Protein backbone atom coordinates (compact mmCIF):
# COMPACT_ATOMS: atom_id res chain seq x y z
CA MET A 1 2.20 26.29 0.41
CA ARG A 2 2.28 23.06 2.79
CA ASP A 3 -0.97 24.58 4.75
CA ARG A 4 -2.71 25.27 1.57
CA THR A 5 -1.67 21.54 0.10
CA ARG A 6 -2.74 19.66 3.13
CA ARG A 7 -6.17 21.50 3.12
CA ARG A 8 -6.78 20.51 -0.53
CA LEU A 9 -5.83 17.19 0.41
CA ALA A 10 -8.62 16.87 2.94
CA GLN A 11 -10.95 18.29 0.63
CA VAL A 12 -10.20 15.63 -1.99
CA THR A 13 -10.51 12.96 0.80
CA ARG A 14 -13.83 14.56 1.74
CA LEU A 15 -14.94 14.15 -2.07
CA LEU A 16 -13.68 10.62 -2.61
CA SER A 17 -16.08 9.45 0.42
CA GLY A 18 -19.01 10.70 -1.22
CA ARG A 19 -20.71 9.30 -3.89
CA ILE A 20 -19.08 10.17 -7.16
CA THR A 21 -18.52 8.52 -10.63
CA LEU A 22 -15.83 6.48 -11.87
CA ASP A 23 -14.55 9.15 -13.97
CA GLN A 24 -14.89 11.78 -10.83
CA GLN A 25 -12.69 9.06 -8.90
CA ARG A 26 -10.15 8.96 -11.38
CA GLU A 27 -9.74 12.51 -11.78
CA LEU A 28 -9.49 13.19 -7.89
CA LEU A 29 -6.84 10.44 -7.58
CA VAL A 30 -4.80 12.13 -10.04
CA ILE A 31 -5.32 15.02 -7.91
CA THR A 32 -4.45 13.50 -5.02
CA GLY A 33 -1.21 12.27 -6.44
CA TRP A 34 -0.07 15.69 -7.61
CA LEU A 35 -0.68 17.36 -4.12
CA THR A 36 0.84 14.48 -2.20
CA ALA A 37 3.86 15.30 -4.57
CA LEU A 38 3.70 19.00 -4.12
CA HIS A 39 3.30 18.22 -0.20
CA GLY A 40 6.50 16.04 -0.22
């Protein structure tokens, strides 16, 4: 599960570095928080 979580975090980081709306940024930051909590 840690490998999968790490891959998703990397994917979210790539998405955050692109052009996104404020709503998308907020959603991605929430997802990042949950993934970080899962990763431990």
